[in-house]
């Protein structure tokens, strides 16, 4: 199961730009690395990452095999209203995972 550390500020002022950081624990196997059995380790990568703030997409990324294991993503959004921030990612095996944080706007 994939885990993630989602970091956002505890409080932000209305209209302020704030930083969102996501560290995802994922092997990001390319499908080219040799296995000890003589074959290759099967490909297993995150293909898509989406982040929505109050239901509106604020960041979207497509990831490829060249991305390192345990990818770290950092991006910004502008604080409008208090509400949920949901980051969701899907890997090439069809598994989808999500982490949610609450944004408190003053």
PDB file of N, CA and C in Angstrom:
ATOM      1  N   UNK A   1       0.841  -1.185   0.000  1.00  0.00           N
ATOM      2  CA  UNK A   1       0.000   0.000   0.000  1.00  0.00           C
ATOM      3  C   UNK A   1       0.885   1.246   0.000  1.00  0.00           C
ATOM      4  N   UNK A   2       0.568   2.176  -0.831  1.00  0.00           N
ATOM      5  CA  UNK A   2       1.312   3.421  -0.940  1.00  0.00           C
ATOM      6  C   UNK A   2       0.933   4.361   0.197  1.00  0.00           C
ATOM      7  N   UNK A   3       1.937   5.020   0.761  1.00  0.00           N
ATOM      8  CA  UNK A   3       1.706   6.011   1.798  1.00  0.00           C
ATOM      9  C   UNK A   3       2.218   7.357   1.286  1.00  0.00           C
ATOM     10  N   UNK A   4       1.699   8.424   1.885  1.00  0.00           N
ATOM     11  CA  UNK A   4       2.172   9.755   1.503  1.00  0.00           C
ATOM     12  C   UNK A   4       2.195  10.673   2.706  1.00  0.00           C
ATOM     13  N   UNK A   5       3.091  11.623   2.650  1.00  0.00           N
ATOM     14  CA  UNK A   5       3.167  12.675   3.641  1.00  0.00           C
ATOM     15  C   UNK A   5       2.762  13.954   2.924  1.00  0.00           C
ATOM     16  N   UNK A   6       1.653  14.522   3.323  1.00  0.00           N
ATOM     17  CA  UNK A   6       1.126  15.739   2.713  1.00  0.00           C
ATOM     18  C   UNK A   6       1.324  16.870   3.717  1.00  0.00           C
ATOM     19  N   UNK A   7       2.055  17.909   3.311  1.00  0.00           N
ATOM     20  CA  UNK A   7       2.365  19.021   4.201  1.00  0.00           C
ATOM     21  C   UNK A   7       1.775  20.308   3.654  1.00  0.00           C
ATOM     22  N   UNK A   8       0.936  20.952   4.492  1.00  0.00           N
ATOM     23  CA  UNK A   8       0.341  22.252   4.152  1.00  0.00           C
ATOM     24  C   UNK A   8       0.405  23.120   5.405  1.00  0.00           C
ATOM     25  N   UNK A   9       0.354  24.456   5.268  1.00  0.00           N
ATOM     26  CA  UNK A   9       0.369  25.301   6.454  1.00  0.00           C
ATOM     27  C   UNK A   9      -0.905  25.119   7.285  1.00  0.00           C
ATOM     28  N   UNK A  10      -0.803  25.307   8.599  1.00  0.00           N
ATOM     29  CA  UNK A  10      -1.957  25.168   9.491  1.00  0.00           C
ATOM     30  C   UNK A  10      -3.014  26.239   9.189  1.00  0.00           C
ATOM     31  N   UNK A  11      -2.569  27.451   8.939  1.00  0.00           N
ATOM     32  CA  UNK A  11      -3.488  28.557   8.613  1.00  0.00           C
ATOM     33  C   UNK A  11      -2.859  29.427   7.528  1.00  0.00           C
ATOM     34  N   UNK A  12      -3.700  29.978   6.670  1.00  0.00           N
ATOM     35  CA  UNK A  12      -3.243  30.923   5.651  1.00  0.00           C
ATOM     36  C   UNK A  12      -4.227  32.077   5.575  1.00  0.00           C
ATOM     37  N   UNK A  13      -3.751  33.220   5.142  1.00  0.00           N
ATOM     38  CA  UNK A  13      -4.623  34.390   4.976  1.00  0.00           C
ATOM     39  C   UNK A  13      -5.304  34.320   3.611  1.00  0.00           C
ATOM     40  N   UNK A  14      -6.515  34.828   3.560  1.00  0.00           N
ATOM     41  CA  UNK A  14      -7.260  34.851   2.296  1.00  0.00           C
ATOM     42  C   UNK A  14      -6.453  35.597   1.233  1.00  0.00           C
ATOM     43  N   UNK A  15      -6.310  34.990   0.064  1.00  0.00           N
ATOM     44  CA  UNK A  15      -5.568  35.580  -1.038  1.00  0.00           C
ATOM     45  C   UNK A  15      -4.087  35.246  -1.045  1.00  0.00           C
ATOM     46  N   UNK A  16      -3.591  34.658   0.041  1.00  0.00           N
ATOM     47  CA  UNK A  16      -2.177  34.313   0.137  1.00  0.00           C
ATOM     48  C   UNK A  16      -1.869  33.059  -0.687  1.00  0.00           C
ATOM     49  N   UNK A  17      -0.687  33.046  -1.294  1.00  0.00           N
ATOM     50  CA  UNK A  17      -0.218  31.861  -2.010  1.00  0.00           C
ATOM     51  C   UNK A  17       0.493  30.990  -0.995  1.00  0.00           C
ATOM     52  N   UNK A  18       0.122  29.705  -0.923  1.00  0.00           N
ATOM     53  CA  UNK A  18       0.740  28.801   0.036  1.00  0.00           C
ATOM     54  C   UNK A  18       1.307  27.579  -0.686  1.00  0.00           C
ATOM     55  N   UNK A  19       2.266  26.929  -0.040  1.00  0.00           N
ATOM     56  CA  UNK A  19       2.952  25.792  -0.634  1.00  0.00           C
ATOM     57  C   UNK A  19       2.350  24.473  -0.153  1.00  0.00           C
ATOM     58  N   UNK A  20       2.243  23.538  -1.071  1.00  0.00           N
ATOM     59  CA  UNK A  20       1.764  22.190  -0.802  1.00  0.00           C
ATOM     60  C   UNK A  20       2.911  21.248  -1.144  1.00  0.00           C
ATOM     61  N   UNK A  21       3.234  20.341  -0.211  1.00  0.00           N
ATOM     62  CA  UNK A  21       4.307  19.376  -0.447  1.00  0.00           C
ATOM     63  C   UNK A  21       3.748  17.973  -0.271  1.00  0.00           C
ATOM     64  N   UNK A  22       4.067  17.097  -1.203  1.00  0.00           N
ATOM     65  CA  UNK A  22       3.627  15.702  -1.128  1.00  0.00           C
ATOM     66  C   UNK A  22       4.829  14.791  -1.352  1.00  0.00           C
ATOM     67  N   UNK A  23       5.075  13.922  -0.390  1.00  0.00           N
ATOM     68  CA  UNK A  23       6.129  12.921  -0.495  1.00  0.00           C
ATOM     69  C   UNK A  23       5.427  11.568  -0.513  1.00  0.00           C
ATOM     70  N   UNK A  24       5.535  10.854  -1.626  1.00  0.00           N
ATOM     71  CA  UNK A  24       4.811   9.598  -1.815  1.00  0.00           C
ATOM     72  C   UNK A  24       5.775   8.425  -1.727  1.00  0.00           C
ATOM     73  N   UNK A  25       5.497   7.502  -0.823  1.00  0.00           N
ATOM     74  CA  UNK A  25       6.315   6.289  -0.688  1.00  0.00           C
ATOM     75  C   UNK A  25       5.864   5.302  -1.766  1.00  0.00           C
ATOM     76  N   UNK A  26       6.643   5.191  -2.822  1.00  0.00           N
ATOM     77  CA  UNK A  26       6.300   4.323  -3.950  1.00  0.00           C
ATOM     78  C   UNK A  26       7.596   3.886  -4.638  1.00  0.00           C
ATOM     79  N   UNK A  27       7.719   2.612  -5.029  1.00  0.00           N
ATOM     80  CA  UNK A  27       8.982   2.131  -5.603  1.00  0.00           C
ATOM     81  C   UNK A  27       9.340   2.718  -6.967  1.00  0.00           C
ATOM     82  N   UNK A  28       8.355   3.120  -7.759  1.00  0.00           N
ATOM     83  CA  UNK A  28       8.591   3.677  -9.089  1.00  0.00           C
ATOM     84  C   UNK A  28       9.552   2.800  -9.903  1.00  0.00           C
ATOM     85  N   UNK A  29       9.252   1.517  -9.990  1.00  0.00           N
ATOM     86  CA  UNK A  29      10.068   0.567 -10.764  1.00  0.00           C
ATOM     87  C   UNK A  29       9.873   0.805 -12.258  1.00  0.00           C
ATOM     88  N   UNK A  30      10.968   0.907 -12.988  1.00  0.00           N
ATOM     89  CA  UNK A  30      10.925   1.229 -14.415  1.00  0.00           C
ATOM     90  C   UNK A  30      10.587   0.040 -15.304  1.00  0.00           C
ATOM     91  N   UNK A  31      10.827  -1.176 -14.791  1.00  0.00           N
ATOM     92  CA  UNK A  31      10.648  -2.364 -15.619  1.00  0.00           C
ATOM     93  C   UNK A  31      11.925  -2.748 -16.349  1.00  0.00           C
ATOM     94  N   UNK A  32      13.026  -2.051 -16.071  1.00  0.00           N
ATOM     95  CA  UNK A  32      14.311  -2.337 -16.715  1.00  0.00           C
ATOM     96  C   UNK A  32      15.364  -2.862 -15.746  1.00  0.00           C
ATOM     97  N   UNK A  33      15.111  -2.744 -14.438  1.00  0.00           N
ATOM     98  CA  UNK A  33      16.118  -3.146 -13.446  1.00  0.00           C
ATOM     99  C   UNK A  33      16.187  -4.668 -13.352  1.00  0.00           C
ATOM    100  N   UNK A  34      17.383  -5.225 -13.399  1.00  0.00           N
ATOM    101  CA  UNK A  34      17.525  -6.682 -13.310  1.00  0.00           C
ATOM    102  C   UNK A  34      17.111  -7.201 -11.935  1.00  0.00           C
ATOM    103  N   UNK A  35      16.407  -8.325 -11.925  1.00  0.00           N
ATOM    104  CA  UNK A  35      16.025  -8.989 -10.682  1.00  0.00           C
ATOM    105  C   UNK A  35      17.056 -10.057 -10.358  1.00  0.00           C
ATOM    106  N   UNK A  36      17.108 -10.463  -9.106  1.00  0.00           N
ATOM    107  CA  UNK A  36      18.072 -11.489  -8.694  1.00  0.00           C
ATOM    108  C   UNK A  36      17.768 -12.849  -9.327  1.00  0.00           C
ATOM    109  N   UNK A  37      16.552 -13.009  -9.855  1.00  0.00           N
ATOM    110  CA  UNK A  37      16.153 -14.275 -10.475  1.00  0.00           C
ATOM    111  C   UNK A  37      16.581 -14.380 -11.934  1.00  0.00           C
ATOM    112  N   UNK A  38      17.156 -13.312 -12.480  1.00  0.00           N
ATOM    113  CA  UNK A  38      17.606 -13.325 -13.865  1.00  0.00           C
ATOM    114  C   UNK A  38      16.693 -12.558 -14.803  1.00  0.00           C
ATOM    115  N   UNK A  39      15.466 -12.285 -14.418  1.00  0.00           N
ATOM    116  CA  UNK A  39      14.545 -11.496 -15.239  1.00  0.00           C
ATOM    117  C   UNK A  39      14.700 -10.018 -14.906  1.00  0.00           C
ATOM    118  N   UNK A  40      13.608  -9.290 -15.020  1.00  0.00           N
ATOM    119  CA  UNK A  40      13.593  -7.883 -14.627  1.00  0.00           C
ATOM    120  C   UNK A  40      12.493  -7.674 -13.593  1.00  0.00           C
ATOM    121  N   UNK A  41      12.681  -6.646 -12.757  1.00  0.00           N
ATOM    122  CA  UNK A  41      11.640  -6.274 -11.800  1.00  0.00           C
ATOM    123  C   UNK A  41      10.509  -5.643 -12.607  1.00  0.00           C
ATOM    124  N   UNK A  42       9.259  -6.117 -12.449  1.00  0.00           N
ATOM    125  CA  UNK A  42       8.150  -5.581 -13.244  1.00  0.00           C
ATOM    126  C   UNK A  42       7.947  -4.076 -13.033  1.00  0.00           C
ATOM    127  N   UNK A  43       7.548  -3.424 -14.096  1.00  0.00           N
ATOM    128  CA  UNK A  43       7.252  -1.989 -14.047  1.00  0.00           C
ATOM    129  C   UNK A  43       6.131  -1.734 -13.040  1.00  0.00           C
ATOM    130  N   UNK A  44       6.293  -0.669 -12.249  1.00  0.00           N
ATOM    131  CA  UNK A  44       5.267  -0.256 -11.291  1.00  0.00           C
ATOM    132  C   UNK A  44       5.522   1.209 -10.966  1.00  0.00           C
ATOM    133  N   UNK A  45       4.797   2.105 -11.652  1.00  0.00           N
ATOM    134  CA  UNK A  45       5.009   3.537 -11.466  1.00  0.00           C
ATOM    135  C   UNK A  45       3.686   4.255 -11.225  1.00  0.00           C
ATOM    136  N   UNK A  46       3.770   5.409 -10.601  1.00  0.00           N
ATOM    137  CA  UNK A  46       2.630   6.307 -10.514  1.00  0.00           C
ATOM    138  C   UNK A  46       2.548   6.994 -11.861  1.00  0.00           C
ATOM    139  N   UNK A  47       1.376   6.978 -12.457  1.00  0.00           N
ATOM    140  CA  UNK A  47       1.218   7.604 -13.773  1.00  0.00           C
ATOM    141  C   UNK A  47       0.567   8.985 -13.695  1.00  0.00           C
ATOM    142  N   UNK A  48      -0.269   9.190 -12.698  1.00  0.00           N
ATOM    143  CA  UNK A  48      -1.038  10.429 -12.654  1.00  0.00           C
ATOM    144  C   UNK A  48      -1.159  10.922 -11.219  1.00  0.00           C
ATOM    145  N   UNK A  49      -1.018  12.222 -11.034  1.00  0.00           N
ATOM    146  CA  UNK A  49      -1.162  12.861  -9.729  1.00  0.00           C
ATOM    147  C   UNK A  49      -2.069  14.071  -9.912  1.00  0.00           C
ATOM    148  N   UNK A  50      -3.113  14.189  -9.095  1.00  0.00           N
ATOM    149  CA  UNK A  50      -4.047  15.315  -9.161  1.00  0.00           C
ATOM    150  C   UNK A  50      -4.259  15.865  -7.759  1.00  0.00           C
ATOM    151  N   UNK A  51      -4.374  17.176  -7.649  1.00  0.00           N
ATOM    152  CA  UNK A  51      -4.671  17.808  -6.370  1.00  0.00           C
ATOM    153  C   UNK A  51      -5.824  18.787  -6.562  1.00  0.00           C
ATOM    154  N   UNK A  52      -6.841  18.647  -5.703  1.00  0.00           N
ATOM    155  CA  UNK A  52      -8.012  19.525  -5.767  1.00  0.00           C
ATOM    156  C   UNK A  52      -8.169  20.264  -4.440  1.00  0.00           C
ATOM    157  N   UNK A  53      -8.481  21.547  -4.528  1.00  0.00           N
ATOM    158  CA  UNK A  53      -8.713  22.391  -3.355  1.00  0.00           C
ATOM    159  C   UNK A  53     -10.156  22.851  -3.442  1.00  0.00           C
ATOM    160  N   UNK A  54     -10.964  22.474  -2.456  1.00  0.00           N
ATOM    161  CA  UNK A  54     -12.408  22.747  -2.468  1.00  0.00           C
ATOM    162  C   UNK A  54     -13.059  22.235  -3.752  1.00  0.00           C
ATOM    163  N   UNK A  55     -12.608  21.080  -4.228  1.00  0.00           N
ATOM    164  CA  UNK A  55     -13.206  20.447  -5.402  1.00  0.00           C
ATOM    165  C   UNK A  55     -12.708  20.964  -6.742  1.00  0.00           C
ATOM    166  N   UNK A  56     -11.819  21.953  -6.740  1.00  0.00           N
ATOM    167  CA  UNK A  56     -11.287  22.524  -7.975  1.00  0.00           C
ATOM    168  C   UNK A  56      -9.836  22.066  -8.146  1.00  0.00           C
ATOM    169  N   UNK A  57      -9.519  21.493  -9.300  1.00  0.00           N
ATOM    170  CA  UNK A  57      -8.156  21.024  -9.546  1.00  0.00           C
ATOM    171  C   UNK A  57      -7.201  22.210  -9.582  1.00  0.00           C
ATOM    172  N   UNK A  58      -6.149  22.141  -8.731  1.00  0.00           N
ATOM    173  CA  UNK A  58      -5.146  23.211  -8.683  1.00  0.00           C
ATOM    174  C   UNK A  58      -3.792  22.749  -9.199  1.00  0.00           C
ATOM    175  N   UNK A  59      -3.615  21.428  -9.321  1.00  0.00           N
ATOM    176  CA  UNK A  59      -2.354  20.891  -9.819  1.00  0.00           C
ATOM    177  C   UNK A  59      -2.600  19.508 -10.391  1.00  0.00           C
ATOM    178  N   UNK A  60      -1.955  19.239 -11.523  1.00  0.00           N
ATOM    179  CA  UNK A  60      -2.061  17.925 -12.165  1.00  0.00           C
ATOM    180  C   UNK A  60      -0.705  17.606 -12.791  1.00  0.00           C
ATOM    181  N   UNK A  61      -0.282  16.346 -12.640  1.00  0.00           N
ATOM    182  CA  UNK A  61       0.994  15.939 -13.220  1.00  0.00           C
ATOM    183  C   UNK A  61       0.896  14.522 -13.753  1.00  0.00           C
ATOM    184  N   UNK A  62       1.602  14.268 -14.857  1.00  0.00           N
ATOM    185  CA  UNK A  62       1.799  12.906 -15.361  1.00  0.00           C
ATOM    186  C   UNK A  62       3.226  12.536 -15.030  1.00  0.00           C
ATOM    187  N   UNK A  63       3.418  11.347 -14.456  1.00  0.00           N
ATOM    188  CA  UNK A  63       4.746  10.889 -14.080  1.00  0.00           C
ATOM    189  C   UNK A  63       5.185   9.770 -15.010  1.00  0.00           C
ATOM    190  N   UNK A  64       6.485   9.634 -15.189  1.00  0.00           N
ATOM    191  CA  UNK A  64       7.053   8.670 -16.123  1.00  0.00           C
ATOM    192  C   UNK A  64       8.118   7.841 -15.411  1.00  0.00           C
ATOM    193  N   UNK A  65       8.586   6.741 -16.027  1.00  0.00           N
ATOM    194  CA  UNK A  65       9.562   5.868 -15.374  1.00  0.00           C
ATOM    195  C   UNK A  65      10.846   6.553 -14.926  1.00  0.00           C
ATOM    196  N   UNK A  66      11.195   7.677 -15.514  1.00  0.00           N
ATOM    197  CA  UNK A  66      12.444   8.337 -15.134  1.00  0.00           C
ATOM    198  C   UNK A  66      12.352   9.044 -13.781  1.00  0.00           C
ATOM    199  N   UNK A  67      11.161   9.130 -13.194  1.00  0.00           N
ATOM    200  CA  UNK A  67      10.990   9.759 -11.882  1.00  0.00           C
ATOM    201  C   UNK A  67      11.515   8.810 -10.805  1.00  0.00           C
ATOM    202  N   UNK A  68      12.236   9.338  -9.856  1.00  0.00           N
ATOM    203  CA  UNK A  68      12.854   8.551  -8.795  1.00  0.00           C
ATOM    204  C   UNK A  68      11.831   7.867  -7.890  1.00  0.00           C
ATOM    205  N   UNK A  69      12.280   6.858  -7.170  1.00  0.00           N
ATOM    206  CA  UNK A  69      11.439   6.221  -6.155  1.00  0.00           C
ATOM    207  C   UNK A  69      11.068   7.264  -5.103  1.00  0.00           C
ATOM    208  N   UNK A  70       9.919   7.097  -4.484  1.00  0.00           N
ATOM    209  CA  UNK A  70       9.425   8.011  -3.450  1.00  0.00           C
ATOM    210  C   UNK A  70       9.394   9.459  -3.949  1.00  0.00           C
ATOM    211  N   UNK A  71       8.614   9.719  -5.001  1.00  0.00           N
ATOM    212  CA  UNK A  71       8.612  11.066  -5.583  1.00  0.00           C
ATOM    213  C   UNK A  71       8.147  12.140  -4.607  1.00  0.00           C
ATOM    214  N   UNK A  72       8.777  13.308  -4.718  1.00  0.00           N
ATOM    215  CA  UNK A  72       8.443  14.489  -3.931  1.00  0.00           C
ATOM    216  C   UNK A  72       7.924  15.551  -4.886  1.00  0.00           C
ATOM    217  N   UNK A  73       6.720  16.045  -4.625  1.00  0.00           N
ATOM    218  CA  UNK A  73       6.127  17.089  -5.458  1.00  0.00           C
ATOM    219  C   UNK A  73       5.865  18.310  -4.587  1.00  0.00           C
ATOM    220  N   UNK A  74       6.146  19.483  -5.098  1.00  0.00           N
ATOM    221  CA  UNK A  74       5.917  20.728  -4.388  1.00  0.00           C
ATOM    222  C   UNK A  74       5.302  21.720  -5.369  1.00  0.00           C
ATOM    223  N   UNK A  75       4.211  22.353  -4.951  1.00  0.00           N
ATOM    224  CA  UNK A  75       3.517  23.311  -5.819  1.00  0.00           C
ATOM    225  C   UNK A  75       2.758  24.292  -4.941  1.00  0.00           C
ATOM    226  N   UNK A  76       2.171  25.320  -5.546  1.00  0.00           N
ATOM    227  CA  UNK A  76       1.473  26.347  -4.777  1.00  0.00           C
ATOM    228  C   UNK A  76       0.030  26.489  -5.229  1.00  0.00           C
ATOM    229  N   UNK A  77      -0.759  27.089  -4.333  1.00  0.00           N
ATOM    230  CA  UNK A  77      -2.155  27.434  -4.635  1.00  0.00           C
ATOM    231  C   UNK A  77      -2.467  28.725  -3.889  1.00  0.00           C
ATOM    232  N   UNK A  78      -3.519  29.397  -4.296  1.00  0.00           N
ATOM    233  CA  UNK A  78      -3.933  30.626  -3.628  1.00  0.00           C
ATOM    234  C   UNK A  78      -5.094  30.311  -2.692  1.00  0.00           C
ATOM    235  N   UNK A  79      -5.011  30.792  -1.443  1.00  0.00           N
ATOM    236  CA  UNK A  79      -6.054  30.552  -0.443  1.00  0.00           C
ATOM    237  C   UNK A  79      -7.287  31.390  -0.756  1.00  0.00           C
ATOM    238  N   UNK A  80      -8.397  30.730  -0.937  1.00  0.00           N
ATOM    239  CA  UNK A  80      -9.663  31.416  -1.208  1.00  0.00           C
ATOM    240  C   UNK A  80     -10.606  31.254  -0.019  1.00  0.00           C
ATOM    241  N   UNK A  81     -10.948  30.025   0.303  1.00  0.00           N
ATOM    242  CA  UNK A  81     -11.836  29.700   1.418  1.00  0.00           C
ATOM    243  C   UNK A  81     -11.293  28.485   2.148  1.00  0.00           C
ATOM    244  N   UNK A  82     -11.701  28.327   3.392  1.00  0.00           N
ATOM    245  CA  UNK A  82     -11.341  27.119   4.135  1.00  0.00           C
ATOM    246  C   UNK A  82     -11.985  25.916   3.463  1.00  0.00           C
ATOM    247  N   UNK A  83     -11.286  24.798   3.484  1.00  0.00           N
ATOM    248  CA  UNK A  83     -11.852  23.596   2.880  1.00  0.00           C
ATOM    249  C   UNK A  83     -10.825  22.510   2.695  1.00  0.00           C
ATOM    250  N   UNK A  84     -11.265  21.398   2.119  1.00  0.00           N
ATOM    251  CA  UNK A  84     -10.365  20.252   1.953  1.00  0.00           C
ATOM    252  C   UNK A  84      -9.423  20.409   0.760  1.00  0.00           C
ATOM    253  N   UNK A  85      -8.243  19.847   0.941  1.00  0.00           N
ATOM    254  CA  UNK A  85      -7.267  19.738  -0.134  1.00  0.00           C
ATOM    255  C   UNK A  85      -7.035  18.244  -0.302  1.00  0.00           C
ATOM    256  N   UNK A  86      -7.375  17.707  -1.466  1.00  0.00           N
ATOM    257  CA  UNK A  86      -7.229  16.276  -1.696  1.00  0.00           C
ATOM    258  C   UNK A  86      -6.232  16.011  -2.803  1.00  0.00           C
ATOM    259  N   UNK A  87      -5.204  15.223  -2.479  1.00  0.00           N
ATOM    260  CA  UNK A  87      -4.231  14.788  -3.474  1.00  0.00           C
ATOM    261  C   UNK A  87      -4.488  13.321  -3.762  1.00  0.00           C
ATOM    262  N   UNK A  88      -4.598  12.989  -5.048  1.00  0.00           N
ATOM    263  CA  UNK A  88      -4.938  11.627  -5.470  1.00  0.00           C
ATOM    264  C   UNK A  88      -3.983  11.213  -6.581  1.00  0.00           C
ATOM    265  N   UNK A  89      -3.514   9.971  -6.520  1.00  0.00           N
ATOM    266  CA  UNK A  89      -2.626   9.468  -7.555  1.00  0.00           C
ATOM    267  C   UNK A  89      -3.022   8.060  -7.934  1.00  0.00           C
ATOM    268  N   UNK A  90      -2.711   7.712  -9.187  1.00  0.00           N
ATOM    269  CA  UNK A  90      -3.053   6.409  -9.744  1.00  0.00           C
ATOM    270  C   UNK A  90      -1.795   5.801 -10.350  1.00  0.00           C
ATOM    271  N   UNK A  91      -1.578   4.508 -10.053  1.00  0.00           N
ATOM    272  CA  UNK A  91      -0.404   3.854 -10.628  1.00  0.00           C
ATOM    273  C   UNK A  91      -0.793   3.038 -11.857  1.00  0.00           C
ATOM    274  N   UNK A  92       0.208   2.462 -12.520  1.00  0.00           N
ATOM    275  CA  UNK A  92      -0.038   1.742 -13.764  1.00  0.00           C
ATOM    276  C   UNK A  92      -0.716   0.394 -13.559  1.00  0.00           C
ATOM    277  N   UNK A  93      -0.963   0.024 -12.319  1.00  0.00           N
ATOM    278  CA  UNK A  93      -1.712  -1.203 -12.026  1.00  0.00           C
ATOM    279  C   UNK A  93      -3.164  -0.902 -11.698  1.00  0.00           C
ATOM    280  N   UNK A  94      -3.551   0.384 -11.820  1.00  0.00           N
ATOM    281  CA  UNK A  94      -4.929   0.792 -11.600  1.00  0.00           C
ATOM    282  C   UNK A  94      -5.281   1.117 -10.167  1.00  0.00           C
ATOM    283  N   UNK A  95      -4.304   1.070  -9.262  1.00  0.00           N
ATOM    284  CA  UNK A  95      -4.574   1.397  -7.868  1.00  0.00           C
ATOM    285  C   UNK A  95      -4.577   2.911  -7.681  1.00  0.00           C
ATOM    286  N   UNK A  96      -5.583   3.403  -6.981  1.00  0.00           N
ATOM    287  CA  UNK A  96      -5.693   4.828  -6.700  1.00  0.00           C
ATOM    288  C   UNK A  96      -5.608   5.042  -5.198  1.00  0.00           C
ATOM    289  N   UNK A  97      -4.847   6.039  -4.801  1.00  0.00           N
ATOM    290  CA  UNK A  97      -4.680   6.379  -3.392  1.00  0.00           C
ATOM    291  C   UNK A  97      -4.895   7.882  -3.240  1.00  0.00           C
ATOM    292  N   UNK A  98      -5.279   8.309  -2.040  1.00  0.00           N
ATOM    293  CA  UNK A  98      -5.507   9.729  -1.804  1.00  0.00           C
ATOM    294  C   UNK A  98      -5.127  10.093  -0.374  1.00  0.00           C
ATOM    295  N   UNK A  99      -4.730  11.330  -0.213  1.00  0.00           N
ATOM    296  CA  UNK A  99      -4.479  11.923   1.098  1.00  0.00           C
ATOM    297  C   UNK A  99      -5.227  13.262   1.118  1.00  0.00           C
ATOM    298  N   UNK A 100      -5.781  13.593   2.274  1.00  0.00           N
ATOM    299  CA  UNK A 100      -6.542  14.822   2.409  1.00  0.00           C
ATOM    300  C   UNK A 100      -6.017  15.639   3.570  1.00  0.00           C
ATOM    301  N   UNK A 101      -5.992  16.946   3.390  1.00  0.00           N
ATOM    302  CA  UNK A 101      -5.625  17.878   4.451  1.00  0.00           C
ATOM    303  C   UNK A 101      -6.680  18.981   4.448  1.00  0.00           C
ATOM    304  N   UNK A 102      -6.813  19.690   5.562  1.00  0.00           N
ATOM    305  CA  UNK A 102      -7.767  20.788   5.625  1.00  0.00           C
ATOM    306  C   UNK A 102      -7.005  22.110   5.604  1.00  0.00           C
ATOM    307  N   UNK A 103      -7.471  23.028   4.774  1.00  0.00           N
ATOM    308  CA  UNK A 103      -6.885  24.361   4.688  1.00  0.00           C
ATOM    309  C   UNK A 103      -7.783  25.320   5.479  1.00  0.00           C
ATOM    310  N   UNK A 104      -7.213  25.988   6.485  1.00  0.00           N
ATOM    311  CA  UNK A 104      -7.962  26.973   7.282  1.00  0.00           C
ATOM    312  C   UNK A 104      -7.558  28.367   6.818  1.00  0.00           C
ATOM    313  N   UNK A 105      -8.529  29.097   6.272  1.00  0.00           N
ATOM    314  CA  UNK A 105      -8.270  30.441   5.749  1.00  0.00           C
ATOM    315  C   UNK A 105      -8.814  31.462   6.736  1.00  0.00           C
ATOM    316  N   UNK A 106      -7.978  32.435   7.072  1.00  0.00           N
ATOM    317  CA  UNK A 106      -8.359  33.509   8.010  1.00  0.00           C
ATOM    318  C   UNK A 106      -8.843  34.718   7.272  1.00  0.00           C
TER     319      UNK A 106
END
